Amino acid sequence: MFTGIIETLGVVTNLKYENENLHITVESNITSELKIDQSVAHNGVCLTVVSINNNEYTVTAIKETLDKTNLSLLKKRDIVNLERAMKLGDRLDGHIVQGHVDQTAICKSITNQNGSWFFTFSYDSALNNITIEKGSVTVNGVSLTVVDSKKNEFSVAIIPYTFEHTNFNKFRIDSKVNLEFDVLGKYIQKLYALKN
C-alpha cells in the first residue's frame, strides 16, 4: 500500500530482458535503506526488490506489467518516481494507492500557469475507468486531485514542489504515463455495473 507521495527520484542504470521479463536497475539515495523482497513503487508500479549492490538495486517487471504500464519504454538514465510502501500508523498524506496500474494515458497539453502547471491527459475510456472533479488519481505514482474531468480525459494542477521533485518536469506532449484510478471509485463503479 502506498500514498502517492513521492519519496525520491531514481535513475535507471541498467535494463536487461530475460525471456519476457525486464530487470530494471535503479540508482537511488534510498538504496541503503532497502531490503530484498521489499516493495517499491516505480512511476506508480509496485515492484519487488530482488537484488542490491552498493547504491543500486534491481526489480523485475513481468510481461503483464510491461503491457499495462510505461515501464517497457524506459531507457538508461531515465528518471523514475520512487515511493516505499507506507508504514502502518503513518499519516496518509495522499490517498490510498495500491501500486497496481490500471492503464496508461497520453499527455495532451501542458500549460504554464505562472507559478504552477496544468497537465491534461487522455486515456482509453473503453476500459471503464473514470475520474471525477476533486477526486483522486495517481499519475506515474503521484497522488493528485482531478481539476477537470471528462469521459476520456482529465486535468491536474501541479505545484512547483511537485514539478521539481517528481518526473513531471520530464513530461512532454505525447509522453505516456501510468494511471491508477481511485480504488473506492473502482469498487463503486463495479457495484453500479452489476446492478444495471
N, C-alpha and C. Protein backbone atom coordinates (compact mmCIF):
# COMPACT_ATOMS: atom_id res chain seq x y z
N MET A 1 0.85 -1.18 0.00
CA MET A 1 0.00 0.00 0.00
C MET A 1 0.89 1.24 0.00
N PHE A 2 0.48 2.23 -0.79
CA PHE A 2 1.26 3.46 -0.94
C PHE A 2 0.33 4.66 -0.73
N THR A 3 0.91 5.86 -0.74
CA THR A 3 0.12 7.07 -0.55
C THR A 3 0.13 7.98 -1.77
N GLY A 4 1.05 7.74 -2.70
CA GLY A 4 1.16 8.62 -3.85
C GLY A 4 1.98 9.86 -3.57
N ILE A 5 2.65 9.89 -2.43
CA ILE A 5 3.57 10.99 -2.13
C ILE A 5 4.98 10.50 -2.46
N ILE A 6 5.56 11.04 -3.50
CA ILE A 6 6.85 10.56 -4.00
C ILE A 6 7.95 10.87 -2.98
N GLU A 7 8.70 9.83 -2.65
CA GLU A 7 9.74 9.95 -1.63
C GLU A 7 11.03 10.51 -2.21
N THR A 8 11.39 10.03 -3.38
CA THR A 8 12.62 10.46 -4.03
C THR A 8 12.58 10.05 -5.49
N LEU A 9 13.61 10.43 -6.22
CA LEU A 9 13.74 10.04 -7.63
C LEU A 9 14.86 9.03 -7.75
N GLY A 10 14.77 8.18 -8.75
CA GLY A 10 15.82 7.22 -9.04
C GLY A 10 16.25 7.37 -10.50
N VAL A 11 17.45 6.89 -10.78
CA VAL A 11 17.99 6.92 -12.14
C VAL A 11 18.14 5.49 -12.63
N VAL A 12 17.57 5.19 -13.79
CA VAL A 12 17.71 3.85 -14.37
C VAL A 12 19.14 3.69 -14.86
N THR A 13 19.84 2.68 -14.36
CA THR A 13 21.24 2.47 -14.75
C THR A 13 21.43 1.25 -15.65
N ASN A 14 20.46 0.33 -15.63
CA ASN A 14 20.58 -0.85 -16.49
C ASN A 14 19.20 -1.45 -16.74
N LEU A 15 19.02 -1.98 -17.93
CA LEU A 15 17.79 -2.66 -18.32
C LEU A 15 18.20 -3.95 -19.00
N LYS A 16 17.67 -5.08 -18.50
CA LYS A 16 18.06 -6.37 -19.06
C LYS A 16 16.83 -7.26 -19.19
N TYR A 17 16.57 -7.67 -20.43
CA TYR A 17 15.46 -8.60 -20.66
C TYR A 17 15.93 -10.03 -20.42
N GLU A 18 15.08 -10.80 -19.77
CA GLU A 18 15.29 -12.24 -19.60
C GLU A 18 13.96 -12.90 -19.96
N ASN A 19 13.92 -13.54 -21.12
CA ASN A 19 12.67 -14.02 -21.69
C ASN A 19 11.73 -12.82 -21.82
N GLU A 20 10.55 -12.87 -21.20
CA GLU A 20 9.62 -11.74 -21.31
C GLU A 20 9.67 -10.81 -20.10
N ASN A 21 10.60 -11.06 -19.19
CA ASN A 21 10.75 -10.22 -18.01
C ASN A 21 11.79 -9.14 -18.25
N LEU A 22 11.60 -7.99 -17.61
CA LEU A 22 12.57 -6.91 -17.69
C LEU A 22 13.13 -6.64 -16.30
N HIS A 23 14.45 -6.80 -16.15
CA HIS A 23 15.13 -6.47 -14.91
C HIS A 23 15.56 -5.00 -15.00
N ILE A 24 15.11 -4.21 -14.06
CA ILE A 24 15.38 -2.77 -14.05
C ILE A 24 16.28 -2.45 -12.87
N THR A 25 17.44 -1.89 -13.14
CA THR A 25 18.37 -1.50 -12.09
C THR A 25 18.30 0.01 -11.92
N VAL A 26 18.18 0.43 -10.66
CA VAL A 26 17.97 1.84 -10.33
C VAL A 26 18.99 2.28 -9.30
N GLU A 27 19.54 3.46 -9.52
CA GLU A 27 20.41 4.09 -8.52
C GLU A 27 19.56 5.10 -7.75
N SER A 28 19.65 5.03 -6.42
CA SER A 28 18.80 5.89 -5.62
C SER A 28 19.44 6.19 -4.27
N ASN A 29 19.06 7.33 -3.70
CA ASN A 29 19.60 7.67 -2.38
C ASN A 29 18.91 6.91 -1.25
N ILE A 30 17.91 6.07 -1.56
CA ILE A 30 17.28 5.24 -0.52
C ILE A 30 17.74 3.78 -0.60
N THR A 31 18.62 3.46 -1.54
CA THR A 31 19.04 2.07 -1.72
C THR A 31 19.57 1.45 -0.44
N SER A 32 20.37 2.20 0.32
CA SER A 32 20.98 1.65 1.54
C SER A 32 19.93 1.27 2.58
N GLU A 33 18.71 1.80 2.46
CA GLU A 33 17.64 1.50 3.41
C GLU A 33 16.73 0.37 2.94
N LEU A 34 16.94 -0.10 1.73
CA LEU A 34 16.07 -1.13 1.16
C LEU A 34 16.52 -2.53 1.59
N LYS A 35 15.58 -3.46 1.49
CA LYS A 35 15.86 -4.88 1.75
C LYS A 35 15.33 -5.68 0.57
N ILE A 36 15.96 -6.81 0.32
CA ILE A 36 15.44 -7.72 -0.70
C ILE A 36 14.05 -8.17 -0.26
N ASP A 37 13.14 -8.29 -1.20
CA ASP A 37 11.71 -8.63 -1.02
C ASP A 37 10.85 -7.42 -0.67
N GLN A 38 11.45 -6.23 -0.53
CA GLN A 38 10.68 -5.04 -0.19
C GLN A 38 9.97 -4.52 -1.43
N SER A 39 8.78 -3.94 -1.23
CA SER A 39 8.02 -3.34 -2.33
C SER A 39 8.38 -1.87 -2.48
N VAL A 40 8.61 -1.45 -3.71
CA VAL A 40 8.87 -0.05 -4.03
C VAL A 40 8.06 0.29 -5.27
N ALA A 41 7.37 1.43 -5.25
CA ALA A 41 6.61 1.88 -6.41
C ALA A 41 7.54 2.66 -7.33
N HIS A 42 7.56 2.28 -8.60
CA HIS A 42 8.36 2.93 -9.65
C HIS A 42 7.39 3.52 -10.66
N ASN A 43 7.31 4.84 -10.72
CA ASN A 43 6.29 5.50 -11.55
C ASN A 43 4.92 4.92 -11.25
N GLY A 44 4.69 4.59 -9.99
CA GLY A 44 3.39 4.08 -9.56
C GLY A 44 3.20 2.59 -9.67
N VAL A 45 4.22 1.87 -10.12
CA VAL A 45 4.13 0.42 -10.30
C VAL A 45 4.84 -0.27 -9.13
N CYS A 46 4.11 -1.06 -8.37
CA CYS A 46 4.68 -1.78 -7.25
C CYS A 46 5.55 -2.92 -7.76
N LEU A 47 6.84 -2.89 -7.45
CA LEU A 47 7.79 -3.92 -7.86
C LEU A 47 8.60 -4.36 -6.65
N THR A 48 9.06 -5.60 -6.68
CA THR A 48 9.80 -6.19 -5.56
C THR A 48 11.31 -6.08 -5.80
N VAL A 49 12.02 -5.63 -4.78
CA VAL A 49 13.48 -5.57 -4.85
C VAL A 49 14.02 -7.00 -4.85
N VAL A 50 14.80 -7.34 -5.89
CA VAL A 50 15.34 -8.71 -6.00
C VAL A 50 16.84 -8.78 -5.74
N SER A 51 17.54 -7.64 -5.87
CA SER A 51 18.96 -7.62 -5.53
C SER A 51 19.39 -6.20 -5.22
N ILE A 52 20.47 -6.09 -4.42
CA ILE A 52 21.01 -4.79 -4.02
C ILE A 52 22.52 -4.86 -4.18
N ASN A 53 23.08 -3.82 -4.80
CA ASN A 53 24.52 -3.75 -5.00
C ASN A 53 24.97 -2.31 -4.80
N ASN A 54 25.61 -2.02 -3.66
CA ASN A 54 26.04 -0.67 -3.31
C ASN A 54 24.85 0.28 -3.35
N ASN A 55 24.88 1.31 -4.22
CA ASN A 55 23.79 2.29 -4.26
C ASN A 55 22.77 1.99 -5.36
N GLU A 56 22.80 0.77 -5.88
CA GLU A 56 21.86 0.35 -6.91
C GLU A 56 21.07 -0.87 -6.45
N TYR A 57 19.84 -0.97 -6.90
CA TYR A 57 19.03 -2.16 -6.64
C TYR A 57 18.30 -2.54 -7.92
N THR A 58 17.84 -3.78 -7.97
CA THR A 58 17.17 -4.29 -9.16
C THR A 58 15.79 -4.81 -8.80
N VAL A 59 14.84 -4.52 -9.69
CA VAL A 59 13.47 -5.03 -9.60
C VAL A 59 13.15 -5.70 -10.92
N THR A 60 12.13 -6.55 -10.94
CA THR A 60 11.76 -7.26 -12.16
C THR A 60 10.30 -6.98 -12.50
N ALA A 61 10.06 -6.62 -13.76
CA ALA A 61 8.70 -6.42 -14.26
C ALA A 61 8.39 -7.55 -15.23
N ILE A 62 7.25 -8.23 -15.00
CA ILE A 62 6.85 -9.32 -15.88
C ILE A 62 6.05 -8.77 -17.07
N LYS A 63 5.74 -9.64 -18.01
CA LYS A 63 5.08 -9.22 -19.24
C LYS A 63 3.78 -8.46 -18.99
N GLU A 64 2.94 -8.96 -18.10
CA GLU A 64 1.66 -8.26 -17.84
C GLU A 64 1.90 -6.84 -17.37
N THR A 65 2.87 -6.66 -16.50
CA THR A 65 3.21 -5.32 -16.02
C THR A 65 3.71 -4.45 -17.16
N LEU A 66 4.57 -5.01 -18.00
CA LEU A 66 5.11 -4.26 -19.13
C LEU A 66 4.01 -3.88 -20.12
N ASP A 67 3.04 -4.77 -20.29
CA ASP A 67 1.93 -4.50 -21.23
C ASP A 67 1.00 -3.39 -20.72
N LYS A 68 0.85 -3.26 -19.41
CA LYS A 68 -0.12 -2.32 -18.85
C LYS A 68 0.46 -0.99 -18.42
N THR A 69 1.78 -0.85 -18.46
CA THR A 69 2.43 0.35 -17.93
C THR A 69 3.39 0.95 -18.96
N ASN A 70 4.06 2.02 -18.55
CA ASN A 70 5.06 2.64 -19.43
C ASN A 70 6.48 2.14 -19.15
N LEU A 71 6.62 1.10 -18.33
CA LEU A 71 7.97 0.63 -17.96
C LEU A 71 8.76 0.08 -19.14
N SER A 72 8.07 -0.47 -20.14
CA SER A 72 8.79 -1.00 -21.30
C SER A 72 9.44 0.11 -22.13
N LEU A 73 9.06 1.36 -21.89
CA LEU A 73 9.63 2.50 -22.62
C LEU A 73 10.86 3.08 -21.93
N LEU A 74 11.18 2.56 -20.74
CA LEU A 74 12.33 3.10 -20.01
C LEU A 74 13.63 2.93 -20.80
N LYS A 75 14.50 3.92 -20.61
CA LYS A 75 15.85 3.88 -21.18
C LYS A 75 16.84 4.18 -20.07
N LYS A 76 18.09 3.80 -20.28
CA LYS A 76 19.12 4.14 -19.31
C LYS A 76 19.16 5.65 -19.13
N ARG A 77 19.35 6.08 -17.89
CA ARG A 77 19.41 7.47 -17.44
C ARG A 77 18.04 8.11 -17.27
N ASP A 78 16.95 7.38 -17.56
CA ASP A 78 15.62 7.92 -17.29
C ASP A 78 15.43 8.10 -15.79
N ILE A 79 14.62 9.07 -15.44
CA ILE A 79 14.30 9.37 -14.05
C ILE A 79 12.95 8.74 -13.71
N VAL A 80 12.89 8.02 -12.58
CA VAL A 80 11.64 7.40 -12.15
C VAL A 80 11.25 7.92 -10.76
N ASN A 81 9.95 8.06 -10.55
CA ASN A 81 9.42 8.42 -9.24
C ASN A 81 9.45 7.19 -8.34
N LEU A 82 9.92 7.36 -7.10
CA LEU A 82 10.02 6.24 -6.17
C LEU A 82 9.26 6.53 -4.89
N GLU A 83 8.57 5.48 -4.40
CA GLU A 83 7.93 5.55 -3.09
C GLU A 83 7.98 4.17 -2.46
N ARG A 84 8.47 4.11 -1.23
CA ARG A 84 8.42 2.85 -0.49
C ARG A 84 7.01 2.67 0.08
N ALA A 85 6.67 1.42 0.37
CA ALA A 85 5.36 1.14 0.94
C ALA A 85 5.19 1.89 2.26
N MET A 86 3.96 2.29 2.52
CA MET A 86 3.70 3.04 3.75
C MET A 86 3.80 2.13 4.97
N LYS A 87 4.14 2.73 6.11
CA LYS A 87 4.14 2.01 7.38
C LYS A 87 2.78 2.15 8.02
N LEU A 88 2.29 1.09 8.62
CA LEU A 88 1.03 1.15 9.34
C LEU A 88 1.16 2.18 10.45
N GLY A 89 0.22 3.09 10.50
CA GLY A 89 0.26 4.13 11.51
C GLY A 89 0.78 5.46 10.99
N ASP A 90 1.36 5.48 9.77
CA ASP A 90 1.81 6.74 9.18
C ASP A 90 0.61 7.58 8.75
N ARG A 91 0.85 8.87 8.60
CA ARG A 91 -0.18 9.74 8.04
C ARG A 91 -0.39 9.37 6.57
N LEU A 92 -1.62 9.43 6.13
CA LEU A 92 -1.94 9.17 4.73
C LEU A 92 -2.06 10.53 4.04
N ASP A 93 -0.92 11.08 3.61
CA ASP A 93 -0.88 12.44 3.06
C ASP A 93 -1.48 12.53 1.66
N GLY A 94 -1.44 11.46 0.89
CA GLY A 94 -2.01 11.47 -0.45
C GLY A 94 -3.37 10.82 -0.42
N HIS A 95 -3.49 9.64 -1.05
CA HIS A 95 -4.70 8.84 -0.96
C HIS A 95 -4.29 7.38 -1.03
N ILE A 96 -5.22 6.46 -0.87
CA ILE A 96 -4.89 5.03 -0.89
C ILE A 96 -4.48 4.63 -2.30
N VAL A 97 -3.23 4.20 -2.43
CA VAL A 97 -2.67 3.80 -3.73
C VAL A 97 -2.16 2.38 -3.58
N GLN A 98 -2.55 1.51 -4.49
CA GLN A 98 -2.15 0.11 -4.41
C GLN A 98 -0.85 -0.20 -5.15
N GLY A 99 -0.47 0.65 -6.07
CA GLY A 99 0.71 0.35 -6.88
C GLY A 99 0.38 -0.59 -8.03
N HIS A 100 -0.92 -0.72 -8.34
CA HIS A 100 -1.38 -1.57 -9.44
C HIS A 100 -1.94 -0.66 -10.53
N VAL A 101 -1.16 -0.43 -11.55
CA VAL A 101 -1.54 0.49 -12.62
C VAL A 101 -2.73 -0.08 -13.39
N ASP A 102 -3.73 0.77 -13.62
CA ASP A 102 -4.93 0.35 -14.35
C ASP A 102 -4.75 0.46 -15.86
N GLN A 103 -4.08 1.51 -16.29
CA GLN A 103 -3.84 1.71 -17.72
C GLN A 103 -2.89 2.89 -17.89
N THR A 104 -2.53 3.16 -19.13
CA THR A 104 -1.68 4.31 -19.40
C THR A 104 -2.51 5.43 -20.01
N ALA A 105 -1.93 6.61 -20.04
CA ALA A 105 -2.56 7.78 -20.65
C ALA A 105 -1.49 8.54 -21.42
N ILE A 106 -1.94 9.45 -22.26
CA ILE A 106 -1.05 10.29 -23.06
C ILE A 106 -1.22 11.74 -22.62
N CYS A 107 -0.10 12.42 -22.43
CA CYS A 107 -0.14 13.84 -22.08
C CYS A 107 -0.55 14.63 -23.32
N LYS A 108 -1.65 15.36 -23.22
CA LYS A 108 -2.18 16.10 -24.36
C LYS A 108 -1.82 17.58 -24.33
N SER A 109 -1.66 18.13 -23.14
CA SER A 109 -1.26 19.55 -23.08
C SER A 109 -0.60 19.85 -21.75
N ILE A 110 0.28 20.84 -21.80
CA ILE A 110 0.97 21.35 -20.61
C ILE A 110 0.89 22.86 -20.68
N THR A 111 0.26 23.46 -19.68
CA THR A 111 0.10 24.91 -19.67
C THR A 111 0.78 25.49 -18.45
N ASN A 112 1.69 26.43 -18.67
CA ASN A 112 2.33 27.12 -17.57
C ASN A 112 1.36 28.16 -17.04
N GLN A 113 1.01 28.06 -15.76
CA GLN A 113 0.03 28.95 -15.14
C GLN A 113 0.70 30.04 -14.30
N ASN A 114 1.93 30.43 -14.67
CA ASN A 114 2.65 31.48 -13.96
C ASN A 114 2.84 31.13 -12.48
N GLY A 115 3.49 30.01 -12.25
CA GLY A 115 3.76 29.58 -10.87
C GLY A 115 3.29 28.16 -10.62
N SER A 116 2.49 27.62 -11.51
CA SER A 116 2.07 26.23 -11.44
C SER A 116 1.88 25.74 -12.88
N TRP A 117 1.56 24.46 -13.01
CA TRP A 117 1.39 23.88 -14.34
C TRP A 117 0.07 23.12 -14.38
N PHE A 118 -0.55 23.14 -15.54
CA PHE A 118 -1.81 22.47 -15.77
C PHE A 118 -1.56 21.39 -16.82
N PHE A 119 -1.68 20.11 -16.44
CA PHE A 119 -1.43 18.99 -17.35
C PHE A 119 -2.76 18.32 -17.69
N THR A 120 -2.97 18.02 -18.96
CA THR A 120 -4.16 17.30 -19.40
C THR A 120 -3.74 15.98 -20.00
N PHE A 121 -4.43 14.90 -19.59
CA PHE A 121 -4.13 13.55 -20.04
C PHE A 121 -5.38 12.93 -20.66
N SER A 122 -5.19 12.15 -21.73
CA SER A 122 -6.31 11.40 -22.31
C SER A 122 -6.02 9.91 -22.15
N TYR A 123 -7.09 9.13 -21.99
CA TYR A 123 -6.95 7.69 -21.79
C TYR A 123 -8.10 6.98 -22.49
N ASP A 124 -7.95 5.68 -22.67
CA ASP A 124 -8.95 4.87 -23.36
C ASP A 124 -10.12 4.61 -22.41
N SER A 125 -11.27 5.22 -22.68
CA SER A 125 -12.43 5.07 -21.80
C SER A 125 -13.11 3.71 -21.97
N ALA A 126 -12.72 2.94 -22.98
CA ALA A 126 -13.31 1.61 -23.18
C ALA A 126 -12.99 0.67 -22.02
N LEU A 127 -11.96 1.00 -21.23
CA LEU A 127 -11.60 0.17 -20.08
C LEU A 127 -12.43 0.49 -18.85
N ASN A 128 -13.38 1.42 -19.00
CA ASN A 128 -14.36 1.77 -17.96
C ASN A 128 -13.77 2.38 -16.70
N ASN A 129 -12.62 3.01 -16.80
CA ASN A 129 -12.10 3.76 -15.67
C ASN A 129 -12.61 5.19 -15.76
N ILE A 130 -12.84 5.80 -14.61
CA ILE A 130 -13.39 7.16 -14.60
C ILE A 130 -12.66 8.04 -13.59
N THR A 131 -12.78 9.34 -13.82
CA THR A 131 -12.34 10.32 -12.84
C THR A 131 -13.53 11.21 -12.52
N ILE A 132 -13.46 11.89 -11.39
CA ILE A 132 -14.45 12.91 -11.06
C ILE A 132 -13.70 14.15 -10.59
N GLU A 133 -14.29 15.32 -10.81
CA GLU A 133 -13.66 16.55 -10.33
C GLU A 133 -13.51 16.51 -8.83
N LYS A 134 -12.34 16.91 -8.37
CA LYS A 134 -11.94 16.91 -6.96
C LYS A 134 -11.70 15.50 -6.42
N GLY A 135 -11.78 14.49 -7.29
CA GLY A 135 -11.46 13.13 -6.90
C GLY A 135 -9.95 12.90 -7.02
N SER A 136 -9.50 11.73 -6.63
CA SER A 136 -8.08 11.39 -6.66
C SER A 136 -7.74 10.54 -7.86
N VAL A 137 -6.54 10.73 -8.36
CA VAL A 137 -5.97 9.89 -9.41
C VAL A 137 -4.47 9.86 -9.18
N THR A 138 -3.84 8.77 -9.59
CA THR A 138 -2.39 8.66 -9.47
C THR A 138 -1.78 8.67 -10.86
N VAL A 139 -0.86 9.59 -11.11
CA VAL A 139 -0.16 9.71 -12.39
C VAL A 139 1.31 9.44 -12.15
N ASN A 140 1.84 8.36 -12.74
CA ASN A 140 3.24 7.96 -12.51
C ASN A 140 3.56 7.88 -11.02
N GLY A 141 2.57 7.43 -10.25
CA GLY A 141 2.77 7.24 -8.82
C GLY A 141 2.50 8.45 -7.97
N VAL A 142 2.16 9.60 -8.58
CA VAL A 142 1.93 10.84 -7.84
C VAL A 142 0.44 11.00 -7.54
N SER A 143 0.09 11.11 -6.26
CA SER A 143 -1.29 11.33 -5.85
C SER A 143 -1.70 12.75 -6.21
N LEU A 144 -2.78 12.87 -6.99
CA LEU A 144 -3.21 14.19 -7.46
C LEU A 144 -4.73 14.33 -7.36
N THR A 145 -5.17 15.58 -7.32
CA THR A 145 -6.59 15.90 -7.34
C THR A 145 -6.98 16.28 -8.77
N VAL A 146 -8.05 15.69 -9.25
CA VAL A 146 -8.54 15.98 -10.60
C VAL A 146 -9.17 17.37 -10.61
N VAL A 147 -8.73 18.20 -11.57
CA VAL A 147 -9.26 19.55 -11.69
C VAL A 147 -10.41 19.59 -12.69
N ASP A 148 -10.27 18.90 -13.78
CA ASP A 148 -11.27 18.92 -14.85
C ASP A 148 -11.43 17.49 -15.34
N SER A 149 -12.65 16.96 -15.31
CA SER A 149 -12.89 15.57 -15.65
C SER A 149 -13.85 15.46 -16.83
N LYS A 150 -13.46 14.68 -17.82
CA LYS A 150 -14.30 14.37 -18.97
C LYS A 150 -14.31 12.86 -19.17
N LYS A 151 -15.05 12.38 -20.16
CA LYS A 151 -15.21 10.93 -20.34
C LYS A 151 -13.87 10.21 -20.49
N ASN A 152 -12.97 10.70 -21.30
CA ASN A 152 -11.70 10.01 -21.51
C ASN A 152 -10.51 10.95 -21.30
N GLU A 153 -10.71 11.96 -20.46
CA GLU A 153 -9.68 12.98 -20.30
C GLU A 153 -9.83 13.63 -18.94
N PHE A 154 -8.72 14.05 -18.37
CA PHE A 154 -8.77 14.81 -17.12
C PHE A 154 -7.55 15.70 -17.06
N SER A 155 -7.63 16.70 -16.18
CA SER A 155 -6.51 17.61 -15.97
C SER A 155 -6.16 17.66 -14.50
N VAL A 156 -4.91 18.00 -14.23
CA VAL A 156 -4.43 18.17 -12.86
C VAL A 156 -3.57 19.43 -12.82
N ALA A 157 -3.55 20.08 -11.67
CA ALA A 157 -2.70 21.24 -11.45
C ALA A 157 -1.50 20.80 -10.62
N ILE A 158 -0.32 21.20 -11.05
CA ILE A 158 0.93 20.78 -10.40
C ILE A 158 1.61 21.98 -9.77
N ILE A 159 1.85 21.90 -8.47
CA ILE A 159 2.54 22.98 -7.77
C ILE A 159 4.05 22.88 -8.04
N PRO A 160 4.78 23.96 -7.81
CA PRO A 160 6.23 23.93 -8.08
C PRO A 160 6.98 22.81 -7.37
N TYR A 161 6.64 22.55 -6.11
CA TYR A 161 7.35 21.49 -5.38
C TYR A 161 7.20 20.15 -6.09
N THR A 162 5.98 19.79 -6.47
CA THR A 162 5.75 18.52 -7.16
C THR A 162 6.45 18.50 -8.51
N PHE A 163 6.41 19.61 -9.22
CA PHE A 163 7.07 19.70 -10.53
C PHE A 163 8.57 19.46 -10.39
N GLU A 164 9.18 20.01 -9.36
CA GLU A 164 10.62 19.91 -9.17
C GLU A 164 11.06 18.58 -8.58
N HIS A 165 10.20 17.91 -7.78
CA HIS A 165 10.61 16.72 -7.05
C HIS A 165 10.03 15.42 -7.59
N THR A 166 9.44 15.46 -8.78
CA THR A 166 8.95 14.26 -9.46
C THR A 166 9.38 14.32 -10.91
N ASN A 167 9.03 13.28 -11.68
CA ASN A 167 9.41 13.34 -13.09
C ASN A 167 8.38 14.07 -13.95
N PHE A 168 7.46 14.82 -13.32
CA PHE A 168 6.55 15.67 -14.10
C PHE A 168 7.33 16.67 -14.94
N ASN A 169 8.49 17.11 -14.47
CA ASN A 169 9.27 18.08 -15.25
C ASN A 169 9.91 17.47 -16.49
N LYS A 170 9.79 16.15 -16.66
CA LYS A 170 10.29 15.47 -17.86
C LYS A 170 9.19 15.22 -18.88
N PHE A 171 7.92 15.43 -18.48
CA PHE A 171 6.81 15.16 -19.39
C PHE A 171 6.80 16.15 -20.55
N ARG A 172 6.44 15.64 -21.69
CA ARG A 172 6.24 16.43 -22.90
C ARG A 172 4.90 16.04 -23.50
N ILE A 173 4.44 16.77 -24.51
CA ILE A 173 3.24 16.35 -25.23
C ILE A 173 3.51 14.95 -25.79
N ASP A 174 2.55 14.06 -25.66
CA ASP A 174 2.61 12.66 -26.08
C ASP A 174 3.41 11.75 -25.16
N SER A 175 3.88 12.26 -24.02
CA SER A 175 4.50 11.37 -23.03
C SER A 175 3.45 10.37 -22.55
N LYS A 176 3.87 9.11 -22.40
CA LYS A 176 2.96 8.08 -21.89
C LYS A 176 3.20 7.93 -20.39
N VAL A 177 2.10 7.98 -19.63
CA VAL A 177 2.19 7.91 -18.17
C VAL A 177 1.33 6.76 -17.66
N ASN A 178 1.63 6.33 -16.43
CA ASN A 178 0.85 5.28 -15.76
C ASN A 178 -0.27 5.91 -14.95
N LEU A 179 -1.46 5.30 -15.01
CA LEU A 179 -2.60 5.77 -14.22
C LEU A 179 -3.07 4.69 -13.27
N GLU A 180 -3.33 5.08 -12.05
CA GLU A 180 -4.09 4.24 -11.13
C GLU A 180 -5.26 5.07 -10.65
N PHE A 181 -6.46 4.59 -10.95
CA PHE A 181 -7.67 5.30 -10.57
C PHE A 181 -7.99 5.00 -9.11
N ASP A 182 -8.80 5.86 -8.51
CA ASP A 182 -9.14 5.74 -7.10
C ASP A 182 -9.81 4.40 -6.80
N VAL A 183 -9.27 3.66 -5.84
CA VAL A 183 -9.76 2.31 -5.55
C VAL A 183 -11.21 2.32 -5.09
N LEU A 184 -11.61 3.31 -4.31
CA LEU A 184 -13.01 3.39 -3.86
C LEU A 184 -13.94 3.62 -5.05
N GLY A 185 -13.54 4.49 -5.95
CA GLY A 185 -14.32 4.74 -7.15
C GLY A 185 -14.47 3.50 -8.01
N LYS A 186 -13.42 2.69 -8.07
CA LYS A 186 -13.48 1.45 -8.87
C LYS A 186 -14.48 0.47 -8.28
N TYR A 187 -14.52 0.36 -6.96
CA TYR A 187 -15.49 -0.54 -6.32
C TYR A 187 -16.92 -0.06 -6.55
N ILE A 188 -17.12 1.25 -6.40
CA ILE A 188 -18.47 1.80 -6.61
C ILE A 188 -18.91 1.58 -8.04
N GLN A 189 -18.01 1.83 -8.99
CA GLN A 189 -18.35 1.64 -10.40
C GLN A 189 -18.70 0.18 -10.68
N LYS A 190 -17.95 -0.74 -10.11
CA LYS A 190 -18.20 -2.17 -10.31
C LYS A 190 -19.56 -2.57 -9.74
N LEU A 191 -19.87 -2.10 -8.55
CA LEU A 191 -21.16 -2.40 -7.94
C LEU A 191 -22.31 -1.82 -8.78
N TYR A 192 -22.13 -0.61 -9.27
CA TYR A 192 -23.16 0.01 -10.10
C TYR A 192 -23.37 -0.80 -11.39
N ALA A 193 -22.29 -1.24 -12.00
CA ALA A 193 -22.39 -2.04 -13.23
C ALA A 193 -23.11 -3.36 -12.98
N LEU A 194 -22.88 -3.98 -11.82
CA LEU A 194 -23.53 -5.26 -11.50
C LEU A 194 -25.04 -5.10 -11.29
N LYS A 195 -25.45 -3.92 -10.78
CA LYS A 195 -26.86 -3.70 -10.52
C LYS A 195 -27.64 -3.32 -11.77
N ASN A 196 -26.95 -2.89 -12.83
CA ASN A 196 -27.64 -2.45 -14.06
C ASN A 196 -27.47 -3.43 -15.20
